[in-house]
N, C-alpha and C. Protein backbone atom coordinates (compact mmCIF):
# COMPACT_ATOMS: atom_id res chain seq x y z
N MET A 1 36.23 6.85 -4.89
CA MET A 1 35.55 8.06 -5.27
C MET A 1 34.35 8.32 -4.32
N ALA A 2 34.31 9.44 -3.71
CA ALA A 2 33.22 9.73 -2.77
C ALA A 2 31.99 10.14 -3.56
N ARG A 3 30.83 9.58 -3.19
CA ARG A 3 29.58 9.89 -3.84
C ARG A 3 28.85 10.95 -3.05
N THR A 4 28.36 11.97 -3.79
CA THR A 4 27.56 12.98 -3.19
C THR A 4 26.18 12.94 -3.85
N GLN A 5 25.19 12.73 -2.99
CA GLN A 5 23.82 12.71 -3.52
C GLN A 5 23.36 14.16 -3.80
N ARG A 6 22.90 14.38 -4.95
CA ARG A 6 22.38 15.69 -5.36
C ARG A 6 20.91 15.56 -5.67
N PRO A 7 20.18 16.65 -5.57
CA PRO A 7 18.77 16.57 -5.98
C PRO A 7 18.63 16.19 -7.43
N ALA A 8 17.68 15.33 -7.73
CA ALA A 8 17.44 14.87 -9.12
C ALA A 8 16.47 15.81 -9.80
N PRO A 9 16.55 15.91 -11.15
CA PRO A 9 15.67 16.82 -11.82
C PRO A 9 14.25 16.28 -12.02
N GLU A 10 13.28 17.15 -12.09
CA GLU A 10 11.95 16.76 -12.49
C GLU A 10 12.06 16.51 -13.99
N ALA A 11 11.16 15.78 -14.57
CA ALA A 11 11.23 15.45 -15.97
C ALA A 11 11.25 16.68 -16.84
N GLU A 12 10.51 17.74 -16.52
CA GLU A 12 10.42 18.93 -17.34
C GLU A 12 11.38 20.05 -16.95
N SER A 13 12.15 19.86 -15.91
CA SER A 13 12.95 20.97 -15.32
C SER A 13 14.31 20.99 -16.00
N PRO A 14 14.71 22.14 -16.58
CA PRO A 14 16.06 22.31 -17.11
C PRO A 14 17.04 22.85 -16.10
N GLN A 15 16.59 23.04 -14.86
CA GLN A 15 17.38 23.61 -13.80
C GLN A 15 18.63 22.73 -13.48
N PRO A 16 19.79 23.35 -13.25
CA PRO A 16 20.94 22.54 -12.92
C PRO A 16 20.75 21.71 -11.69
N ILE A 17 21.44 20.58 -11.61
CA ILE A 17 21.26 19.67 -10.48
C ILE A 17 21.57 20.33 -9.14
N ALA A 18 22.61 21.08 -9.05
CA ALA A 18 23.05 21.67 -7.71
C ALA A 18 22.03 22.68 -7.25
N GLU A 19 21.16 23.23 -8.11
CA GLU A 19 20.18 24.22 -7.66
C GLU A 19 18.87 23.72 -7.20
N ARG A 20 18.65 22.40 -7.29
CA ARG A 20 17.37 21.83 -6.89
C ARG A 20 17.37 21.60 -5.34
N SER A 21 16.26 21.97 -4.75
CA SER A 21 16.22 21.89 -3.30
C SER A 21 15.66 20.58 -2.75
N SER A 22 14.73 19.97 -3.41
CA SER A 22 14.19 18.68 -2.87
C SER A 22 14.67 17.53 -3.61
N ARG A 23 14.97 16.46 -2.93
CA ARG A 23 15.49 15.23 -3.53
C ARG A 23 14.35 14.39 -4.09
N GLN A 24 14.17 14.37 -5.37
CA GLN A 24 13.14 13.62 -6.03
C GLN A 24 13.76 12.74 -7.10
N PRO A 25 13.19 11.58 -7.41
CA PRO A 25 13.74 10.76 -8.48
C PRO A 25 13.62 11.52 -9.82
N GLU A 26 14.51 11.20 -10.74
CA GLU A 26 14.40 11.74 -12.07
C GLU A 26 13.26 11.14 -12.79
N LYS A 27 12.98 9.87 -12.54
CA LYS A 27 11.88 9.16 -13.17
C LYS A 27 11.37 8.10 -12.24
N ARG A 28 10.05 7.95 -12.24
CA ARG A 28 9.38 6.87 -11.42
C ARG A 28 8.63 5.99 -12.38
N ILE A 29 8.70 4.69 -12.15
CA ILE A 29 7.93 3.70 -12.88
C ILE A 29 7.11 2.97 -11.85
N GLY A 30 5.83 3.16 -11.79
CA GLY A 30 4.96 2.60 -10.77
C GLY A 30 4.60 3.73 -9.76
N PRO A 31 4.11 3.43 -8.61
CA PRO A 31 3.99 2.15 -8.03
C PRO A 31 2.81 1.35 -8.62
N PHE A 32 2.99 0.03 -8.62
CA PHE A 32 1.94 -0.87 -9.10
C PHE A 32 1.30 -1.44 -7.86
N ALA A 33 0.44 -2.43 -8.06
CA ALA A 33 -0.25 -3.09 -6.97
C ALA A 33 0.75 -3.58 -5.95
N GLY A 34 0.47 -3.32 -4.69
CA GLY A 34 1.37 -3.74 -3.62
C GLY A 34 2.54 -2.80 -3.37
N GLY A 35 2.57 -1.69 -4.12
CA GLY A 35 3.62 -0.70 -3.90
C GLY A 35 4.86 -0.92 -4.69
N VAL A 36 4.89 -2.00 -5.48
CA VAL A 36 6.11 -2.31 -6.27
C VAL A 36 6.33 -1.23 -7.33
N GLY A 37 7.56 -0.80 -7.43
CA GLY A 37 7.94 0.26 -8.41
C GLY A 37 9.42 0.43 -8.44
N VAL A 38 9.83 1.30 -9.36
CA VAL A 38 11.27 1.57 -9.53
C VAL A 38 11.45 3.07 -9.68
N ALA A 39 12.56 3.58 -9.10
CA ALA A 39 12.87 5.01 -9.27
C ALA A 39 14.25 5.11 -9.88
N VAL A 40 14.40 6.05 -10.81
CA VAL A 40 15.71 6.35 -11.43
C VAL A 40 16.17 7.66 -10.80
N TRP A 41 17.36 7.63 -10.25
CA TRP A 41 17.94 8.80 -9.54
C TRP A 41 19.11 9.35 -10.29
N LEU A 42 19.29 10.64 -10.30
CA LEU A 42 20.40 11.31 -10.89
C LEU A 42 21.35 11.66 -9.78
N ASN A 43 22.62 11.28 -9.85
CA ASN A 43 23.58 11.47 -8.78
C ASN A 43 24.85 12.06 -9.39
N GLN A 44 25.71 12.57 -8.46
CA GLN A 44 26.98 13.11 -8.85
C GLN A 44 28.02 12.54 -7.93
N ALA A 45 29.22 12.26 -8.45
CA ALA A 45 30.33 11.78 -7.66
C ALA A 45 31.51 12.77 -7.83
N GLU A 46 32.15 13.04 -6.77
CA GLU A 46 33.40 13.91 -6.87
C GLU A 46 34.53 13.03 -7.31
N LEU A 47 35.28 13.51 -8.31
CA LEU A 47 36.43 12.77 -8.83
C LEU A 47 37.71 13.23 -8.09
N PRO A 48 38.76 12.41 -8.05
CA PRO A 48 40.01 12.82 -7.41
C PRO A 48 40.63 14.07 -7.92
N ASP A 49 40.37 14.38 -9.22
CA ASP A 49 40.91 15.61 -9.77
C ASP A 49 40.09 16.87 -9.47
N GLY A 50 39.03 16.68 -8.65
CA GLY A 50 38.19 17.89 -8.29
C GLY A 50 36.95 18.00 -9.13
N GLY A 51 36.86 17.28 -10.22
CA GLY A 51 35.72 17.36 -11.12
C GLY A 51 34.57 16.50 -10.52
N THR A 52 33.47 16.48 -11.29
CA THR A 52 32.36 15.65 -10.90
C THR A 52 31.92 14.77 -12.10
N ARG A 53 31.35 13.64 -11.75
CA ARG A 53 30.81 12.78 -12.75
C ARG A 53 29.32 12.56 -12.43
N THR A 54 28.44 12.75 -13.41
CA THR A 54 27.03 12.57 -13.24
C THR A 54 26.64 11.17 -13.71
N PHE A 55 25.86 10.51 -12.92
CA PHE A 55 25.41 9.11 -13.28
C PHE A 55 24.04 8.84 -12.72
N ARG A 56 23.44 7.77 -13.10
CA ARG A 56 22.15 7.35 -12.65
C ARG A 56 22.29 6.08 -11.79
N SER A 57 21.33 5.98 -10.84
CA SER A 57 21.19 4.76 -10.06
C SER A 57 19.67 4.43 -9.99
N ILE A 58 19.43 3.18 -9.69
CA ILE A 58 18.06 2.69 -9.73
C ILE A 58 17.74 2.11 -8.33
N THR A 59 16.59 2.42 -7.79
CA THR A 59 16.13 1.79 -6.60
C THR A 59 14.78 1.07 -6.84
N VAL A 60 14.58 -0.03 -6.19
CA VAL A 60 13.38 -0.78 -6.30
C VAL A 60 12.56 -0.59 -5.04
N ALA A 61 11.29 -0.15 -5.22
CA ALA A 61 10.39 0.10 -4.04
C ALA A 61 10.02 -1.28 -3.41
N PRO A 62 9.96 -1.31 -2.13
CA PRO A 62 9.61 -2.62 -1.48
C PRO A 62 8.11 -2.87 -1.64
N ARG A 63 7.79 -4.15 -1.49
CA ARG A 63 6.36 -4.52 -1.42
C ARG A 63 5.80 -4.00 -0.11
N ARG A 64 4.60 -3.45 -0.15
CA ARG A 64 3.95 -2.92 1.05
C ARG A 64 2.85 -3.89 1.52
N TYR A 65 2.67 -3.96 2.80
CA TYR A 65 1.58 -4.71 3.38
C TYR A 65 1.07 -4.06 4.67
N PHE A 66 -0.18 -4.36 5.03
CA PHE A 66 -0.75 -3.79 6.24
C PHE A 66 -0.68 -4.85 7.35
N ASP A 67 0.00 -4.52 8.40
CA ASP A 67 0.17 -5.36 9.55
C ASP A 67 -0.98 -5.07 10.56
N LYS A 68 -1.89 -6.03 10.62
CA LYS A 68 -3.09 -5.90 11.48
C LYS A 68 -2.73 -5.83 12.99
N GLN A 69 -1.62 -6.49 13.39
CA GLN A 69 -1.30 -6.40 14.82
C GLN A 69 -0.85 -4.99 15.24
N SER A 70 -0.07 -4.37 14.39
CA SER A 70 0.44 -3.01 14.76
C SER A 70 -0.45 -1.94 14.18
N ASN A 71 -1.38 -2.34 13.30
CA ASN A 71 -2.23 -1.38 12.60
C ASN A 71 -1.43 -0.33 11.78
N GLN A 72 -0.37 -0.80 11.15
CA GLN A 72 0.50 0.05 10.38
C GLN A 72 0.88 -0.63 9.03
N TRP A 73 1.17 0.23 8.05
CA TRP A 73 1.71 -0.23 6.78
C TRP A 73 3.23 -0.51 6.99
N LYS A 74 3.72 -1.59 6.38
CA LYS A 74 5.13 -1.94 6.52
C LYS A 74 5.64 -2.32 5.20
N ASP A 75 7.02 -2.30 5.09
CA ASP A 75 7.79 -2.78 3.90
C ASP A 75 8.12 -4.25 4.09
N ALA A 76 7.89 -5.00 3.07
CA ALA A 76 8.26 -6.43 3.09
C ALA A 76 9.71 -6.59 2.57
N PRO A 77 10.48 -7.49 3.10
CA PRO A 77 11.85 -7.71 2.59
C PRO A 77 11.90 -8.60 1.38
N SER A 78 10.75 -9.05 0.88
CA SER A 78 10.73 -9.97 -0.25
C SER A 78 9.49 -9.63 -1.12
N TYR A 79 9.40 -10.33 -2.30
CA TYR A 79 8.33 -10.15 -3.22
C TYR A 79 7.59 -11.45 -3.40
N ASN A 80 6.32 -11.29 -3.77
CA ASN A 80 5.51 -12.47 -4.09
C ASN A 80 5.69 -12.78 -5.56
N PRO A 81 5.47 -14.02 -5.94
CA PRO A 81 5.54 -14.34 -7.42
C PRO A 81 4.65 -13.44 -8.26
N THR A 82 3.51 -13.03 -7.69
CA THR A 82 2.57 -12.17 -8.43
C THR A 82 3.12 -10.72 -8.65
N ASP A 83 4.16 -10.37 -7.86
CA ASP A 83 4.77 -9.06 -7.98
C ASP A 83 5.73 -9.04 -9.18
N LEU A 84 6.24 -10.17 -9.59
CA LEU A 84 7.36 -10.25 -10.58
C LEU A 84 7.02 -9.65 -11.94
N PRO A 85 5.87 -9.80 -12.50
CA PRO A 85 5.60 -9.15 -13.83
C PRO A 85 5.72 -7.60 -13.70
N ALA A 86 5.16 -7.01 -12.68
CA ALA A 86 5.27 -5.56 -12.54
C ALA A 86 6.68 -5.17 -12.28
N LEU A 87 7.42 -5.90 -11.49
CA LEU A 87 8.79 -5.58 -11.17
C LEU A 87 9.65 -5.68 -12.43
N ILE A 88 9.47 -6.77 -13.19
CA ILE A 88 10.27 -6.93 -14.43
C ILE A 88 9.91 -5.78 -15.37
N PHE A 89 8.67 -5.48 -15.56
CA PHE A 89 8.29 -4.36 -16.43
C PHE A 89 8.94 -3.05 -16.02
N ALA A 90 8.87 -2.79 -14.70
CA ALA A 90 9.42 -1.47 -14.19
C ALA A 90 10.93 -1.44 -14.42
N LEU A 91 11.63 -2.54 -14.17
CA LEU A 91 13.06 -2.58 -14.40
C LEU A 91 13.44 -2.40 -15.87
N GLN A 92 12.67 -3.05 -16.76
CA GLN A 92 12.91 -2.90 -18.18
C GLN A 92 12.66 -1.43 -18.65
N GLU A 93 11.66 -0.80 -18.12
CA GLU A 93 11.38 0.60 -18.43
C GLU A 93 12.52 1.48 -17.92
N ALA A 94 12.97 1.22 -16.70
CA ALA A 94 14.09 2.03 -16.14
C ALA A 94 15.37 1.84 -16.98
N GLN A 95 15.60 0.62 -17.40
CA GLN A 95 16.78 0.37 -18.28
C GLN A 95 16.66 1.10 -19.60
N ALA A 96 15.51 1.04 -20.25
CA ALA A 96 15.31 1.77 -21.49
C ALA A 96 15.45 3.26 -21.30
N TYR A 97 14.94 3.80 -20.20
CA TYR A 97 15.06 5.22 -19.94
C TYR A 97 16.54 5.59 -19.80
N CYS A 98 17.29 4.81 -19.07
CA CYS A 98 18.70 5.11 -18.87
C CYS A 98 19.55 5.08 -20.11
N PHE A 99 19.17 4.16 -21.02
CA PHE A 99 19.97 4.00 -22.25
C PHE A 99 19.50 4.93 -23.36
N THR A 100 18.36 5.60 -23.23
CA THR A 100 17.85 6.44 -24.27
C THR A 100 17.75 7.90 -23.90
N THR A 101 18.05 8.25 -22.64
CA THR A 101 17.94 9.59 -22.16
C THR A 101 19.33 10.17 -21.80
N PRO A 102 19.73 11.22 -22.46
CA PRO A 102 21.07 11.75 -22.16
C PRO A 102 21.13 12.30 -20.70
N LEU A 103 22.27 12.19 -20.12
CA LEU A 103 22.52 12.84 -18.84
C LEU A 103 22.48 14.37 -19.06
N PRO A 104 22.09 15.15 -18.06
CA PRO A 104 22.11 16.60 -18.20
C PRO A 104 23.47 17.08 -18.57
N GLY A 105 23.55 17.91 -19.60
CA GLY A 105 24.80 18.49 -20.07
C GLY A 105 25.59 17.53 -20.97
N GLY A 106 24.99 16.46 -21.32
CA GLY A 106 25.68 15.48 -22.14
C GLY A 106 24.81 14.94 -23.22
N GLU A 107 25.38 14.07 -24.03
CA GLU A 107 24.68 13.41 -25.08
C GLU A 107 24.88 11.93 -24.94
N LEU A 108 24.00 11.15 -25.51
CA LEU A 108 24.17 9.75 -25.52
C LEU A 108 25.38 9.39 -26.41
N GLU A 109 26.14 8.44 -25.96
CA GLU A 109 27.33 8.05 -26.71
C GLU A 109 26.95 6.88 -27.62
N ASP A 110 27.02 7.14 -28.94
CA ASP A 110 26.69 6.11 -29.87
C ASP A 110 27.77 5.04 -30.04
N SER A 111 28.96 5.34 -29.52
CA SER A 111 30.07 4.41 -29.65
C SER A 111 29.89 3.19 -28.70
N GLU A 112 29.17 3.39 -27.58
CA GLU A 112 29.03 2.22 -26.68
C GLU A 112 27.82 1.42 -27.07
N PRO A 113 27.98 0.09 -27.16
CA PRO A 113 26.80 -0.70 -27.50
C PRO A 113 25.86 -0.80 -26.30
N THR A 114 24.58 -0.90 -26.59
CA THR A 114 23.57 -1.01 -25.55
C THR A 114 23.68 -2.48 -25.02
N PRO A 115 23.83 -2.67 -23.70
CA PRO A 115 24.09 -3.98 -23.19
C PRO A 115 22.84 -4.86 -23.04
N PHE A 116 21.92 -4.72 -23.95
CA PHE A 116 20.78 -5.61 -23.94
C PHE A 116 20.32 -5.93 -25.33
């Protein structure tokens, strides 16, 4: 199934996904100290039958640091142990948001158990 990235809605915007011009996360948690944070994105995938499926994905913001040699801010490929509480909190908040917020044009399905 081919994935097509579509602009995500602002929290207060009822505008359809296809009509949004700028790509913004549906929800941000953070950034916290060091730049650690999580973003929830609204995406659509084209189905083989020509329809689309709306789903969410989550990205984790990298830890940021200032490199004195290059005099620039950079992204770190890893996290410090002190980043973990904020990262865990942000991921739990993203999980709760995804399980309690209906997708646009849909409702939460009560038949599926919450996997936590």
